[in-house]
Amino acid sequence: MDLAAMLSATTENWGFMDYTLAVVALLAGLGAFLFGFKVLSDNIEKLATNKLRRWFEKTGRSRLAGVGIGAGVTAIIQSSSATTVMVVGFVNVGLMSLFQATTVIMGANIGTTVTAYFSVIADIPFIEIITVLTCVGIFMDMLCKKDKTKTIGMMLAGLGLVFLGLQYMGMAMDQFSEQQVVIDFLRSVDNRLVLLLAGVVITGIVQSSSAVTTLIVQMVGAGMVIGDPSNSGVLFLVLGTNIGTCVTALLSSIGTKTNARRAALIHLMFNVFGTVIFSVFLLCWPGFLNATLGNWFADNPRLQIALFHTFFNVVCTCIFLPFTNVFVKVSTKLIREPKGSDSPASDAALLDERLINSPSVAINQANKAAARMAELSMDALRTAFHGFVNGDESAKEEVTELNARIGELEHAIVAYLIKVAAEDISLSDEKLVSAIQQSTGDILRIGELADNITKYTRNCKRDGIEFSHGVIKSLQNMFAKIEELGARTLDVFDRKDITAVKAVDKVEDEIDADRKAMVKDHIRRLNEGKCKPASSGVFINLVGNLERAADHLTYVAHALD
């Protein structure tokens, strides 16, 4: 007899093997459920990649916006832990304030309750047909060529696995619910503190409150009574899952900056305080479940638990949202800035590996790091040019230091993108990864050209070469256009303003024309005896290097075309 047949049979006297097979079915169902949700959420995230990124960037100072974004993102990726880890990462790199993080965390707790409703609708007759989507989705992934179609196929396959897992879990729970020894054991666990701690521990181990809550919903739906129903014992188990889910964020905050650890602490405080409030409430009103949800939805125990989970998180958010700043202040008092924290942040601080599990967000961070690299290269070029104009050889040291930072950042970006590319990313993200990698090479070259210019400064000082005021003025005019070109390039590369590409090309053409005119004027001055022949090598190479720097800036702007 196969596993499904065994589970469909009603047995009065189970042996060891029967229990073993039932546990295997339960674990297999839970595994299919978790894997299905991972596949489903990963591929939904791929389809909504740009929207997710823009949502996080729009948290602003609005409490309600933060809650809405946190709830929306978590409802999509089906994991409050994943959302909170991303929030910790954003705070760690300085892209999100503690105030913003607190509101998003509150919203994430609401969004994660959506998962339990899959168990609620699993009893609808046509749901069995949905499991066929597993096969349909896999064939779409195997046979279709378009990246978007493949992603939709895997999303459908994940959805099918979710309901397939729920079916197996339901069959196992139905069999367990008929065994007196199981019934007696669950009823005997009447200590509400034990149930609360059980929820904390189990969720901490599984690291998914959604999975544990879904399992509780399945148990209740199979008619299994946990604790004394008159004391709402099962609700304490649900409350415990909300504290247990904080484990993932706490682990992810290890080794992060102070504010990131504060964000993880706020997540823990929010859930602990909310659990304490509701625990006291349920102790004062032990018949809450039977008098309210149990009375209104008597025929649907699954819905009762799912609604309570949502009710708990919505009420806690309503209670604590006005005190967002209080949470921030308390976390600041409990976790203080360590001594020496005033030291400047690393240029590679944006590349937080906690964000790699959300590739689109990680790629955006790599793009910002590349933009920072471009700013450093322009600093190096600016320092070298002003050093040349002022005859300051000491500029060489600053340019060397900037180039060292540029080189380190380039290595960090490339290593980070290799890890991101190893994830399952969309075709558009693959192109963006390639564009960033290509751009870092061009940005690196600008720093090298700045180093060349410092050598021309040294040669001028050594050989006593001087340039007239008119020549210096023409060089400054040319460099002013390079500065404008750098700003336009950042508009395209960092701020994704593709319309600025035309402005980039226009300025670059003007710089090319300036180089030709300046070289032509120099040759004329040489023929007229107004310039020393020794200055030719320096001047022609200088304007050539400036023009090449402009070319590399243009390549960076066009990398996103």
Protein backbone atom coordinates (compact mmCIF):
# COMPACT_ATOMS: atom_id res chain seq x y z
CA MET A 1 0.00 0.00 0.00
CA ASP A 2 1.45 3.39 -0.96
CA LEU A 3 1.62 6.43 1.32
CA ALA A 4 -1.50 8.14 -0.06
CA ALA A 5 -3.52 4.95 0.22
CA MET A 6 -2.37 4.44 3.79
CA LEU A 7 -3.41 7.94 4.73
CA SER A 8 -6.80 7.58 3.11
CA ALA A 9 -7.56 4.45 5.11
CA THR A 10 -9.09 4.66 8.57
CA THR A 11 -7.22 2.58 11.13
CA GLU A 12 -8.15 2.04 14.72
CA ASN A 13 -4.93 0.49 16.00
CA TRP A 14 -1.81 2.10 14.68
CA GLY A 15 1.60 0.54 14.96
CA PHE A 16 5.02 2.17 14.93
CA MET A 17 5.24 2.00 11.14
CA ASP A 18 1.84 3.68 10.74
CA TYR A 19 2.91 6.61 12.89
CA THR A 20 6.20 6.80 11.02
CA LEU A 21 4.47 6.96 7.63
CA ALA A 22 2.06 9.62 8.89
CA VAL A 23 4.95 11.73 10.17
CA VAL A 24 6.75 11.25 6.84
CA ALA A 25 3.62 12.43 5.01
CA LEU A 26 3.38 15.45 7.30
CA LEU A 27 7.04 16.37 6.78
CA ALA A 28 6.78 15.77 3.03
CA GLY A 29 3.76 18.05 2.87
CA LEU A 30 5.50 20.69 4.95
CA GLY A 31 8.57 20.44 2.72
CA ALA A 32 6.51 20.78 -0.46
CA PHE A 33 4.64 23.71 1.10
CA LEU A 34 7.83 25.57 2.09
CA PHE A 35 9.59 24.86 -1.19
CA GLY A 36 6.51 25.83 -3.15
CA PHE A 37 6.29 29.13 -1.32
CA LYS A 38 9.97 29.81 -1.93
CA VAL A 39 9.56 29.15 -5.66
CA LEU A 40 6.35 31.18 -5.76
CA SER A 41 7.75 34.17 -3.87
CA ASP A 42 11.11 34.17 -5.67
CA ASN A 43 9.46 34.29 -9.07
CA ILE A 44 6.85 36.86 -8.05
CA GLU A 45 9.74 38.97 -6.81
CA LYS A 46 11.47 38.58 -10.19
CA LEU A 47 8.34 39.80 -11.97
CA ALA A 48 7.91 42.72 -9.57
CA THR A 49 11.63 43.43 -9.18
CA ASN A 50 11.57 47.13 -10.07
CA LYS A 51 8.38 47.81 -8.15
CA LEU A 52 9.76 46.26 -4.96
CA ARG A 53 12.85 48.43 -5.21
CA ARG A 54 10.82 51.60 -5.82
CA TRP A 55 8.46 50.78 -2.95
CA PHE A 56 11.32 50.56 -0.47
CA GLU A 57 12.72 53.84 -1.78
CA LYS A 58 9.37 55.59 -1.14
CA THR A 59 9.02 54.84 2.56
CA GLY A 60 9.73 58.52 3.33
CA ARG A 61 8.66 59.93 6.66
CA SER A 62 5.06 58.70 6.49
CA ARG A 63 4.13 56.09 9.06
CA LEU A 64 1.23 54.73 7.00
CA ALA A 65 3.36 54.55 3.84
CA GLY A 66 5.97 52.49 5.68
CA VAL A 67 3.33 50.12 7.09
CA GLY A 68 1.68 49.75 3.68
CA ILE A 69 4.97 49.06 1.91
CA GLY A 70 6.05 46.57 4.57
CA ALA A 71 2.72 44.74 4.36
CA GLY A 72 2.66 44.79 0.56
CA VAL A 73 6.22 43.54 0.06
CA THR A 74 5.79 40.79 2.66
CA ALA A 75 2.47 39.68 1.17
CA ILE A 76 4.30 39.28 -2.15
CA ILE A 77 7.46 37.51 -0.96
CA GLN A 78 5.53 35.65 1.79
CA SER A 79 8.14 36.09 4.50
CA SER A 80 8.29 38.72 7.20
CA SER A 81 11.75 37.37 8.10
CA ALA A 82 13.01 38.06 4.57
CA THR A 83 11.53 41.56 4.62
CA THR A 84 13.04 42.30 8.02
CA VAL A 85 16.45 41.01 6.91
CA MET A 86 16.23 43.36 3.92
CA VAL A 87 15.30 46.21 6.25
CA VAL A 88 18.29 45.42 8.47
CA GLY A 89 20.44 45.49 5.34
CA PHE A 90 19.02 48.84 4.22
CA VAL A 91 19.60 50.36 7.66
CA ASN A 92 23.10 48.91 7.73
CA VAL A 93 24.06 50.67 4.49
CA GLY A 94 22.34 53.91 5.52
CA LEU A 95 19.54 53.81 2.94
CA MET A 96 16.75 53.64 5.52
CA SER A 97 16.40 55.43 8.85
CA LEU A 98 15.36 53.66 12.04
CA PHE A 99 12.03 55.51 11.87
CA GLN A 100 11.36 54.14 8.38
CA ALA A 101 12.56 50.67 9.35
CA THR A 102 10.20 50.56 12.34
CA THR A 103 7.11 51.30 10.24
CA VAL A 104 8.11 48.78 7.55
CA ILE A 105 8.67 46.10 10.22
CA MET A 106 5.18 46.72 11.60
CA GLY A 107 3.73 46.36 8.13
CA ALA A 108 5.72 43.19 7.50
CA ASN A 109 4.05 41.54 10.48
CA ILE A 110 0.67 42.22 8.89
CA GLY A 111 1.75 41.02 5.44
CA THR A 112 3.00 37.68 6.72
CA THR A 113 -0.50 36.71 7.94
CA VAL A 114 -1.63 36.26 4.32
CA THR A 115 0.03 32.83 4.15
CA ALA A 116 -2.39 31.25 6.65
CA TYR A 117 -5.32 31.97 4.33
CA PHE A 118 -3.96 29.48 1.79
CA SER A 119 -4.87 26.77 4.30
CA VAL A 120 -8.32 28.32 4.66
CA ILE A 121 -9.10 28.06 0.95
CA ALA A 122 -7.49 24.62 0.64
CA ASP A 123 -10.87 23.02 1.45
CA ILE A 124 -12.54 24.48 -1.65
CA PRO A 125 -13.25 21.57 -4.04
CA PHE A 126 -11.56 23.03 -7.12
CA ILE A 127 -8.31 23.59 -5.21
CA GLU A 128 -7.27 20.01 -6.05
CA ILE A 129 -7.22 21.02 -9.70
CA ILE A 130 -4.76 23.81 -8.89
CA THR A 131 -2.12 21.24 -7.98
CA VAL A 132 -1.97 20.45 -11.71
CA LEU A 133 -0.32 23.88 -12.08
CA THR A 134 2.86 22.24 -10.80
CA CYS A 135 3.11 20.21 -14.00
CA VAL A 136 1.90 23.06 -16.22
CA GLY A 137 4.40 25.47 -14.76
CA ILE A 138 7.34 23.08 -15.11
CA PHE A 139 6.52 22.48 -18.79
CA MET A 140 6.28 26.24 -19.36
CA ASP A 141 9.75 26.63 -17.90
CA MET A 142 11.14 23.75 -20.00
CA LEU A 143 9.53 24.57 -23.33
CA CYS A 144 9.19 28.35 -23.48
CA LYS A 145 12.06 30.62 -24.50
CA LYS A 146 10.99 33.99 -23.11
CA ASP A 147 12.41 34.76 -19.68
CA LYS A 148 9.15 36.31 -18.47
CA THR A 149 7.12 33.26 -19.55
CA LYS A 150 9.54 30.94 -17.75
CA THR A 151 9.21 33.03 -14.61
CA ILE A 152 5.40 32.86 -14.78
CA GLY A 153 5.66 29.09 -15.28
CA MET A 154 7.79 28.64 -12.17
CA MET A 155 5.42 30.89 -10.24
CA LEU A 156 2.51 28.61 -11.19
CA ALA A 157 4.57 25.53 -10.32
CA GLY A 158 5.28 27.02 -6.89
CA LEU A 159 1.58 27.72 -6.35
CA GLY A 160 0.74 24.14 -7.28
CA LEU A 161 3.33 22.81 -4.83
CA VAL A 162 1.89 24.98 -2.06
CA PHE A 163 -1.54 23.35 -2.37
CA LEU A 164 -0.05 19.91 -2.95
CA GLY A 165 1.85 20.31 0.31
CA LEU A 166 -1.30 21.49 2.07
CA GLN A 167 -3.17 18.41 0.84
CA TYR A 168 -0.56 16.03 2.20
CA MET A 169 -0.38 17.90 5.50
CA GLY A 170 -4.18 17.82 5.70
CA MET A 171 -4.32 14.06 5.09
CA ALA A 172 -1.70 13.45 7.78
CA MET A 173 -3.52 15.70 10.25
CA ASP A 174 -6.83 13.94 9.54
CA GLN A 175 -5.25 10.63 10.51
CA PHE A 176 -3.56 12.02 13.62
CA SER A 177 -6.88 13.53 14.71
CA GLU A 178 -8.40 10.01 14.92
CA GLN A 179 -5.71 8.67 17.27
CA GLN A 180 -6.69 8.92 20.91
CA VAL A 181 -3.11 9.07 22.11
CA VAL A 182 -2.50 12.19 19.97
CA ILE A 183 -5.77 13.77 21.05
CA ASP A 184 -5.01 13.18 24.74
CA PHE A 185 -1.48 14.56 24.42
CA LEU A 186 -2.56 17.80 22.72
CA ARG A 187 -5.37 18.34 25.24
CA SER A 188 -2.97 17.75 28.13
CA VAL A 189 -0.73 20.67 27.09
CA ASP A 190 -2.90 23.15 28.95
CA ASN A 191 -0.22 25.44 30.37
CA ARG A 192 -0.50 28.63 28.34
CA LEU A 193 3.09 29.66 29.06
CA VAL A 194 4.31 26.30 27.74
CA LEU A 195 2.24 26.78 24.58
CA LEU A 196 3.64 30.29 24.14
CA LEU A 197 7.22 29.06 24.56
CA ALA A 198 6.55 26.13 22.21
CA GLY A 199 5.49 28.60 19.53
CA VAL A 200 8.67 30.63 20.11
CA VAL A 201 11.01 27.61 20.00
CA ILE A 202 9.43 25.84 17.03
CA THR A 203 9.32 29.04 14.96
CA GLY A 204 12.87 29.89 15.99
CA ILE A 205 14.02 26.51 14.67
CA VAL A 206 11.98 26.58 11.45
CA GLN A 207 12.60 30.37 11.05
CA SER A 208 9.20 30.85 9.47
CA SER A 209 6.15 31.99 11.42
CA SER A 210 4.11 31.49 8.24
CA ALA A 211 4.96 27.79 8.10
CA VAL A 212 4.27 27.19 11.81
CA THR A 213 1.00 29.16 11.71
CA THR A 214 -0.09 27.21 8.63
CA LEU A 215 0.67 23.96 10.46
CA ILE A 216 -1.45 25.15 13.42
CA VAL A 217 -4.28 26.05 11.05
CA GLN A 218 -4.11 22.57 9.51
CA MET A 219 -4.21 20.92 12.94
CA VAL A 220 -7.24 22.95 14.01
CA GLY A 221 -8.92 22.30 10.67
CA ALA A 222 -8.50 18.54 11.20
CA GLY A 223 -10.41 18.85 14.48
CA MET A 224 -7.38 18.57 16.75
CA VAL A 225 -7.84 20.48 20.02
CA ILE A 226 -4.70 22.09 21.47
CA GLY A 227 -4.97 22.75 25.21
CA ASP A 228 -8.22 23.69 26.87
CA PRO A 229 -10.53 25.26 24.25
CA SER A 230 -12.25 27.29 26.97
CA ASN A 231 -8.89 29.03 27.66
CA SER A 232 -8.06 29.80 24.01
CA GLY A 233 -4.87 27.75 24.46
CA VAL A 234 -4.14 27.48 20.75
CA LEU A 235 -3.96 31.28 20.50
CA PHE A 236 -0.95 31.32 22.83
CA LEU A 237 0.82 28.99 20.41
CA VAL A 238 0.09 31.48 17.63
CA LEU A 239 1.37 34.37 19.75
CA GLY A 240 4.62 32.51 20.31
CA THR A 241 5.28 32.29 16.56
CA ASN A 242 5.45 36.07 16.38
CA ILE A 243 8.38 36.16 18.80
CA GLY A 244 10.10 33.15 17.23
CA THR A 245 10.17 34.81 13.83
CA CYS A 246 12.52 37.49 15.22
CA VAL A 247 15.36 34.95 15.35
CA THR A 248 16.20 35.38 11.66
CA ALA A 249 16.51 39.17 11.90
CA LEU A 250 18.55 38.93 15.10
CA LEU A 251 20.97 36.49 13.47
CA SER A 252 21.25 38.68 10.37
CA SER A 253 22.16 41.69 12.52
CA ILE A 254 25.28 40.04 13.92
CA GLY A 255 28.34 41.95 12.76
CA THR A 256 26.33 44.89 11.39
CA LYS A 257 26.51 48.55 12.27
CA THR A 258 24.78 49.95 15.33
CA ASN A 259 21.60 51.10 13.57
CA ALA A 260 21.10 47.72 11.90
CA ARG A 261 21.27 46.00 15.29
CA ARG A 262 18.78 48.56 16.60
CA ALA A 263 16.38 47.68 13.77
CA ALA A 264 16.54 43.99 14.73
CA LEU A 265 15.93 44.94 18.37
CA ILE A 266 12.89 47.04 17.38
CA HIS A 267 11.49 44.02 15.55
CA LEU A 268 11.91 41.94 18.71
CA MET A 269 10.43 44.64 20.98
CA PHE A 270 7.39 45.10 18.75
CA ASN A 271 6.54 41.40 18.81
CA VAL A 272 7.35 40.84 22.49
CA PHE A 273 5.33 43.87 23.67
CA GLY A 274 2.42 42.89 21.44
CA THR A 275 2.52 39.31 22.70
CA VAL A 276 2.57 40.46 26.33
CA ILE A 277 -0.42 42.75 25.78
CA PHE A 278 -2.47 40.03 24.06
CA SER A 279 -1.42 37.40 26.61
CA VAL A 280 -2.73 39.57 29.44
CA PHE A 281 -5.88 40.23 27.41
CA LEU A 282 -6.48 36.49 26.84
CA LEU A 283 -5.76 35.69 30.49
CA CYS A 284 -8.40 38.25 31.47
CA TRP A 285 -10.83 36.95 28.85
CA PRO A 286 -10.06 33.23 28.39
CA GLY A 287 -13.22 32.65 26.37
CA PHE A 288 -12.33 35.28 23.76
CA LEU A 289 -12.02 32.84 20.85
CA ASN A 290 -15.30 31.02 21.53
CA ALA A 291 -17.21 34.26 22.19
CA THR A 292 -16.06 36.05 19.05
CA LEU A 293 -14.44 34.27 16.11
CA GLY A 294 -15.59 30.87 17.30
CA ASN A 295 -19.17 32.13 17.38
CA TRP A 296 -19.04 34.03 14.09
CA PHE A 297 -17.24 31.34 12.09
CA ALA A 298 -18.23 28.21 13.98
CA ASP A 299 -18.02 26.02 10.86
CA ASN A 300 -14.57 27.20 9.83
CA PRO A 301 -11.93 26.75 12.57
CA ARG A 302 -9.15 27.37 10.05
CA LEU A 303 -10.49 30.84 9.32
CA GLN A 304 -10.75 31.57 13.06
CA ILE A 305 -6.99 31.09 13.57
CA ALA A 306 -6.04 32.94 10.39
CA LEU A 307 -8.25 35.90 11.34
CA PHE A 308 -6.85 35.99 14.88
CA HIS A 309 -3.30 36.09 13.51
CA THR A 310 -4.24 39.06 11.30
CA PHE A 311 -6.21 40.71 14.10
CA PHE A 312 -3.24 40.43 16.48
CA ASN A 313 -0.79 42.11 14.10
CA VAL A 314 -3.19 44.82 12.93
CA VAL A 315 -4.13 45.77 16.49
CA CYS A 316 -0.49 45.80 17.61
CA THR A 317 0.41 48.04 14.68
CA CYS A 318 -2.46 50.42 15.52
CA ILE A 319 -1.33 50.54 19.16
CA PHE A 320 2.40 51.02 18.52
CA LEU A 321 2.44 53.08 15.31
CA PRO A 322 1.96 56.43 17.14
CA PHE A 323 4.95 55.48 19.32
CA THR A 324 7.37 54.83 16.47
CA ASN A 325 9.79 57.46 17.74
CA VAL A 326 9.64 55.90 21.21
CA PHE A 327 10.80 52.56 19.77
CA VAL A 328 13.65 54.35 18.03
CA LYS A 329 14.69 56.18 21.22
CA VAL A 330 14.53 53.02 23.35
CA SER A 331 16.65 51.07 20.86
CA THR A 332 19.13 53.95 20.80
CA LYS A 333 19.39 53.87 24.60
CA LEU A 334 19.78 50.10 24.75
CA ILE A 335 22.31 49.84 21.91
CA ARG A 336 24.74 52.73 22.09
CA GLU A 337 27.27 53.81 19.50
CA PRO A 338 30.64 52.17 20.23
CA LYS A 339 33.70 54.31 20.77
CA GLY A 340 35.45 55.26 17.55
CA SER A 341 32.19 55.13 15.56
CA ASP A 342 32.94 58.55 14.08
CA SER A 343 35.44 56.97 11.65
CA PRO A 344 34.34 57.26 8.02
CA ALA A 345 32.32 54.41 6.55
CA SER A 346 33.88 52.10 4.00
CA ASP A 347 33.19 52.90 0.34
CA ALA A 348 31.95 49.31 -0.03
CA ALA A 349 29.43 49.67 2.83
CA LEU A 350 26.57 49.72 0.32
CA LEU A 351 27.36 46.13 -0.67
CA ASP A 352 25.55 44.36 2.16
CA GLU A 353 25.42 40.60 1.53
CA ARG A 354 22.14 40.34 3.44
CA LEU A 355 20.49 41.83 0.36
CA ILE A 356 21.75 39.17 -2.07
CA ASN A 357 18.68 37.01 -1.37
CA SER A 358 16.74 39.79 -3.09
CA PRO A 359 18.88 40.11 -6.25
CA SER A 360 17.09 43.15 -7.70
CA VAL A 361 17.72 45.09 -4.50
CA ALA A 362 21.34 43.88 -4.34
CA ILE A 363 21.96 44.91 -7.97
CA ASN A 364 20.59 48.35 -7.20
CA GLN A 365 23.08 48.56 -4.34
CA ALA A 366 25.92 47.52 -6.63
CA ASN A 367 24.80 50.24 -9.03
CA LYS A 368 24.96 52.81 -6.23
CA ALA A 369 28.42 51.57 -5.26
CA ALA A 370 29.54 51.96 -8.90
CA ALA A 371 28.13 55.51 -8.86
CA ARG A 372 30.19 56.16 -5.71
CA MET A 373 33.20 54.78 -7.57
CA ALA A 374 32.50 57.25 -10.40
CA GLU A 375 32.38 60.12 -7.90
CA LEU A 376 35.77 59.08 -6.51
CA SER A 377 37.26 58.91 -10.00
CA MET A 378 35.98 62.41 -10.75
CA ASP A 379 37.51 63.58 -7.45
CA ALA A 380 40.82 62.08 -8.56
CA LEU A 381 40.60 63.72 -12.00
CA ARG A 382 39.63 67.07 -10.46
CA THR A 383 42.48 66.93 -7.93
CA ALA A 384 45.00 66.05 -10.63
CA PHE A 385 43.81 68.80 -12.97
CA HIS A 386 43.84 71.53 -10.32
CA GLY A 387 47.26 70.33 -9.26
CA PHE A 388 48.48 70.76 -12.83
CA VAL A 389 47.00 74.25 -13.14
CA ASN A 390 48.51 75.33 -9.80
CA GLY A 391 51.81 73.51 -10.28
CA ASP A 392 51.13 71.51 -7.10
CA GLU A 393 53.01 68.20 -7.10
CA SER A 394 51.51 67.21 -3.72
CA ALA A 395 48.26 66.42 -5.58
CA LYS A 396 49.98 63.16 -6.57
CA GLU A 397 49.57 61.75 -3.03
CA GLU A 398 45.84 62.49 -2.89
CA VAL A 399 45.25 61.03 -6.36
CA THR A 400 47.16 57.87 -5.38
CA GLU A 401 45.03 57.51 -2.25
CA LEU A 402 41.80 58.01 -4.22
CA ASN A 403 42.88 55.48 -6.83
CA ALA A 404 43.58 52.94 -4.09
CA ARG A 405 40.02 53.42 -2.82
CA ILE A 406 38.67 53.16 -6.36
CA GLY A 407 40.56 49.91 -6.93
CA GLU A 408 39.33 48.38 -3.67
CA LEU A 409 35.75 49.37 -4.45
CA GLU A 410 36.01 47.94 -7.96
CA HIS A 411 37.16 44.56 -6.57
CA ALA A 412 34.35 44.61 -3.99
CA ILE A 413 31.70 45.39 -6.64
CA VAL A 414 32.90 42.63 -8.98
CA ALA A 415 32.98 40.05 -6.15
CA TYR A 416 29.50 41.15 -5.02
CA LEU A 417 28.05 40.91 -8.53
CA ILE A 418 29.49 37.42 -8.98
CA LYS A 419 27.51 36.32 -5.90
CA VAL A 420 24.38 38.09 -7.15
CA ALA A 421 24.70 36.51 -10.60
CA ALA A 422 24.79 33.08 -8.95
CA GLU A 423 21.21 33.70 -7.82
CA ASP A 424 18.22 33.04 -10.07
CA ILE A 425 17.92 36.49 -11.66
CA SER A 426 15.84 37.78 -14.55
CA LEU A 427 17.23 38.59 -18.00
CA SER A 428 16.87 42.33 -17.37
CA ASP A 429 18.87 41.98 -14.15
CA GLU A 430 21.54 39.97 -15.99
CA LYS A 431 21.92 42.85 -18.43
CA LEU A 432 22.20 45.34 -15.58
CA VAL A 433 24.87 43.21 -13.89
CA SER A 434 26.82 43.14 -17.15
CA ALA A 435 26.45 46.91 -17.57
CA ILE A 436 27.74 47.60 -14.05
CA GLN A 437 30.71 45.29 -14.51
CA GLN A 438 31.56 46.96 -17.81
CA SER A 439 31.22 50.42 -16.29
CA THR A 440 33.58 49.73 -13.40
CA GLY A 441 36.37 49.16 -15.93
CA ASP A 442 35.74 52.54 -17.56
CA ILE A 443 35.53 54.27 -14.17
CA LEU A 444 38.81 52.66 -13.11
CA ARG A 445 40.43 53.99 -16.27
CA ILE A 446 39.44 57.58 -15.38
CA GLY A 447 41.41 57.28 -12.16
CA GLU A 448 44.41 56.00 -14.11
CA LEU A 449 44.19 59.02 -16.44
CA ALA A 450 44.17 61.28 -13.37
CA ASP A 451 47.43 59.64 -12.31
CA ASN A 452 48.88 60.40 -15.76
CA ILE A 453 48.05 64.08 -15.31
CA THR A 454 50.01 64.22 -12.03
CA LYS A 455 53.05 63.02 -14.00
CA TYR A 456 52.67 65.95 -16.42
CA THR A 457 52.68 68.29 -13.41
CA ARG A 458 55.97 66.75 -12.26
CA ASN A 459 57.47 67.07 -15.77
CA CYS A 460 56.50 70.75 -15.96
CA LYS A 461 58.13 71.49 -12.62
CA ARG A 462 61.25 69.54 -13.55
CA ASP A 463 61.72 71.09 -17.00
CA GLY A 464 60.51 74.59 -16.12
CA ILE A 465 57.58 74.45 -18.56
CA GLU A 466 54.95 77.14 -18.15
CA PHE A 467 51.74 77.86 -20.05
CA SER A 468 50.18 81.22 -20.79
CA HIS A 469 47.05 82.51 -19.09
CA GLY A 470 45.10 81.98 -22.34
CA VAL A 471 46.12 78.30 -22.56
CA ILE A 472 45.24 77.69 -18.90
CA LYS A 473 41.86 79.37 -19.46
CA SER A 474 41.09 77.13 -22.44
CA LEU A 475 42.05 74.05 -20.37
CA GLN A 476 39.76 75.18 -17.56
CA ASN A 477 36.89 75.67 -20.00
CA MET A 478 37.43 72.15 -21.31
CA PHE A 479 37.52 70.69 -17.81
CA ALA A 480 34.33 72.56 -16.86
CA LYS A 481 32.61 70.62 -19.65
CA ILE A 482 34.07 67.38 -18.31
CA GLU A 483 32.59 68.25 -14.91
CA GLU A 484 29.22 68.77 -16.58
CA LEU A 485 29.63 65.48 -18.44
CA GLY A 486 30.33 63.69 -15.15
CA ALA A 487 27.15 65.11 -13.60
CA ARG A 488 25.10 64.12 -16.65
CA THR A 489 26.60 60.62 -16.58
CA LEU A 490 25.54 60.15 -12.96
CA ASP A 491 22.03 61.28 -13.92
CA VAL A 492 21.92 58.39 -16.37
CA PHE A 493 23.81 55.73 -14.43
CA ASP A 494 22.75 56.35 -10.84
CA ARG A 495 19.37 58.03 -11.25
CA LYS A 496 18.37 56.07 -14.39
CA ASP A 497 17.49 59.24 -16.32
CA ILE A 498 17.92 57.79 -19.81
CA THR A 499 16.78 61.09 -21.36
CA ALA A 500 20.09 62.59 -20.19
CA VAL A 501 22.02 60.41 -22.68
CA LYS A 502 21.47 62.97 -25.43
CA ALA A 503 22.92 65.68 -23.20
CA VAL A 504 25.92 63.42 -22.49
CA ASP A 505 26.58 62.94 -26.21
CA LYS A 506 26.23 66.67 -26.87
CA VAL A 507 28.76 67.63 -24.19
CA GLU A 508 31.15 64.87 -25.26
CA ASP A 509 31.07 66.16 -28.86
CA GLU A 510 31.93 69.65 -27.59
CA ILE A 511 34.90 68.25 -25.64
CA ASP A 512 36.16 66.43 -28.75
CA ALA A 513 35.90 69.67 -30.72
CA ASP A 514 37.74 71.56 -27.95
CA ARG A 515 40.62 69.07 -28.03
CA LYS A 516 41.03 69.40 -31.78
CA ALA A 517 40.89 73.20 -31.62
CA MET A 518 43.36 73.37 -28.72
CA VAL A 519 45.89 71.08 -30.43
CA LYS A 520 45.53 73.09 -33.63
CA ASP A 521 46.13 76.37 -31.73
CA HIS A 522 49.15 74.87 -30.00
CA ILE A 523 50.74 73.86 -33.29
CA ARG A 524 50.10 77.36 -34.59
CA ARG A 525 51.83 78.88 -31.58
CA LEU A 526 54.76 76.53 -32.06
CA ASN A 527 55.14 77.64 -35.69
CA GLU A 528 55.00 81.27 -34.58
CA GLY A 529 57.64 80.62 -31.91
CA LYS A 530 55.32 81.51 -29.06
CA CYS A 531 55.64 78.08 -27.36
CA LYS A 532 58.65 76.00 -26.42
CA PRO A 533 58.92 72.68 -28.30
CA ALA A 534 59.43 70.92 -24.93
CA SER A 535 55.84 71.82 -23.98
CA SER A 536 54.31 69.91 -26.88
CA GLY A 537 54.53 66.47 -25.30
CA VAL A 538 52.94 67.63 -22.07
CA PHE A 539 50.18 69.75 -23.63
CA ILE A 540 49.08 67.32 -26.34
CA ASN A 541 49.08 64.37 -23.92
CA LEU A 542 47.21 66.40 -21.31
CA VAL A 543 44.33 67.39 -23.57
CA GLY A 544 44.35 63.84 -24.98
CA ASN A 545 43.97 62.35 -21.50
CA LEU A 546 41.18 64.78 -20.64
CA GLU A 547 39.35 63.87 -23.83
CA ARG A 548 39.79 60.15 -23.12
CA ALA A 549 38.37 60.65 -19.62
CA ALA A 550 35.32 62.21 -21.27
CA ASP A 551 35.07 59.18 -23.57
CA HIS A 552 35.03 56.78 -20.60
CA LEU A 553 32.33 58.84 -18.89
CA THR A 554 30.28 58.58 -22.07
CA TYR A 555 30.79 54.79 -22.16
CA VAL A 556 29.46 54.60 -18.60
CA ALA A 557 26.36 56.59 -19.55
CA HIS A 558 25.72 54.34 -22.56
CA ALA A 559 26.20 51.12 -20.57
CA LEU A 560 22.50 51.18 -19.62
CA ASP A 561 21.25 51.67 -23.20
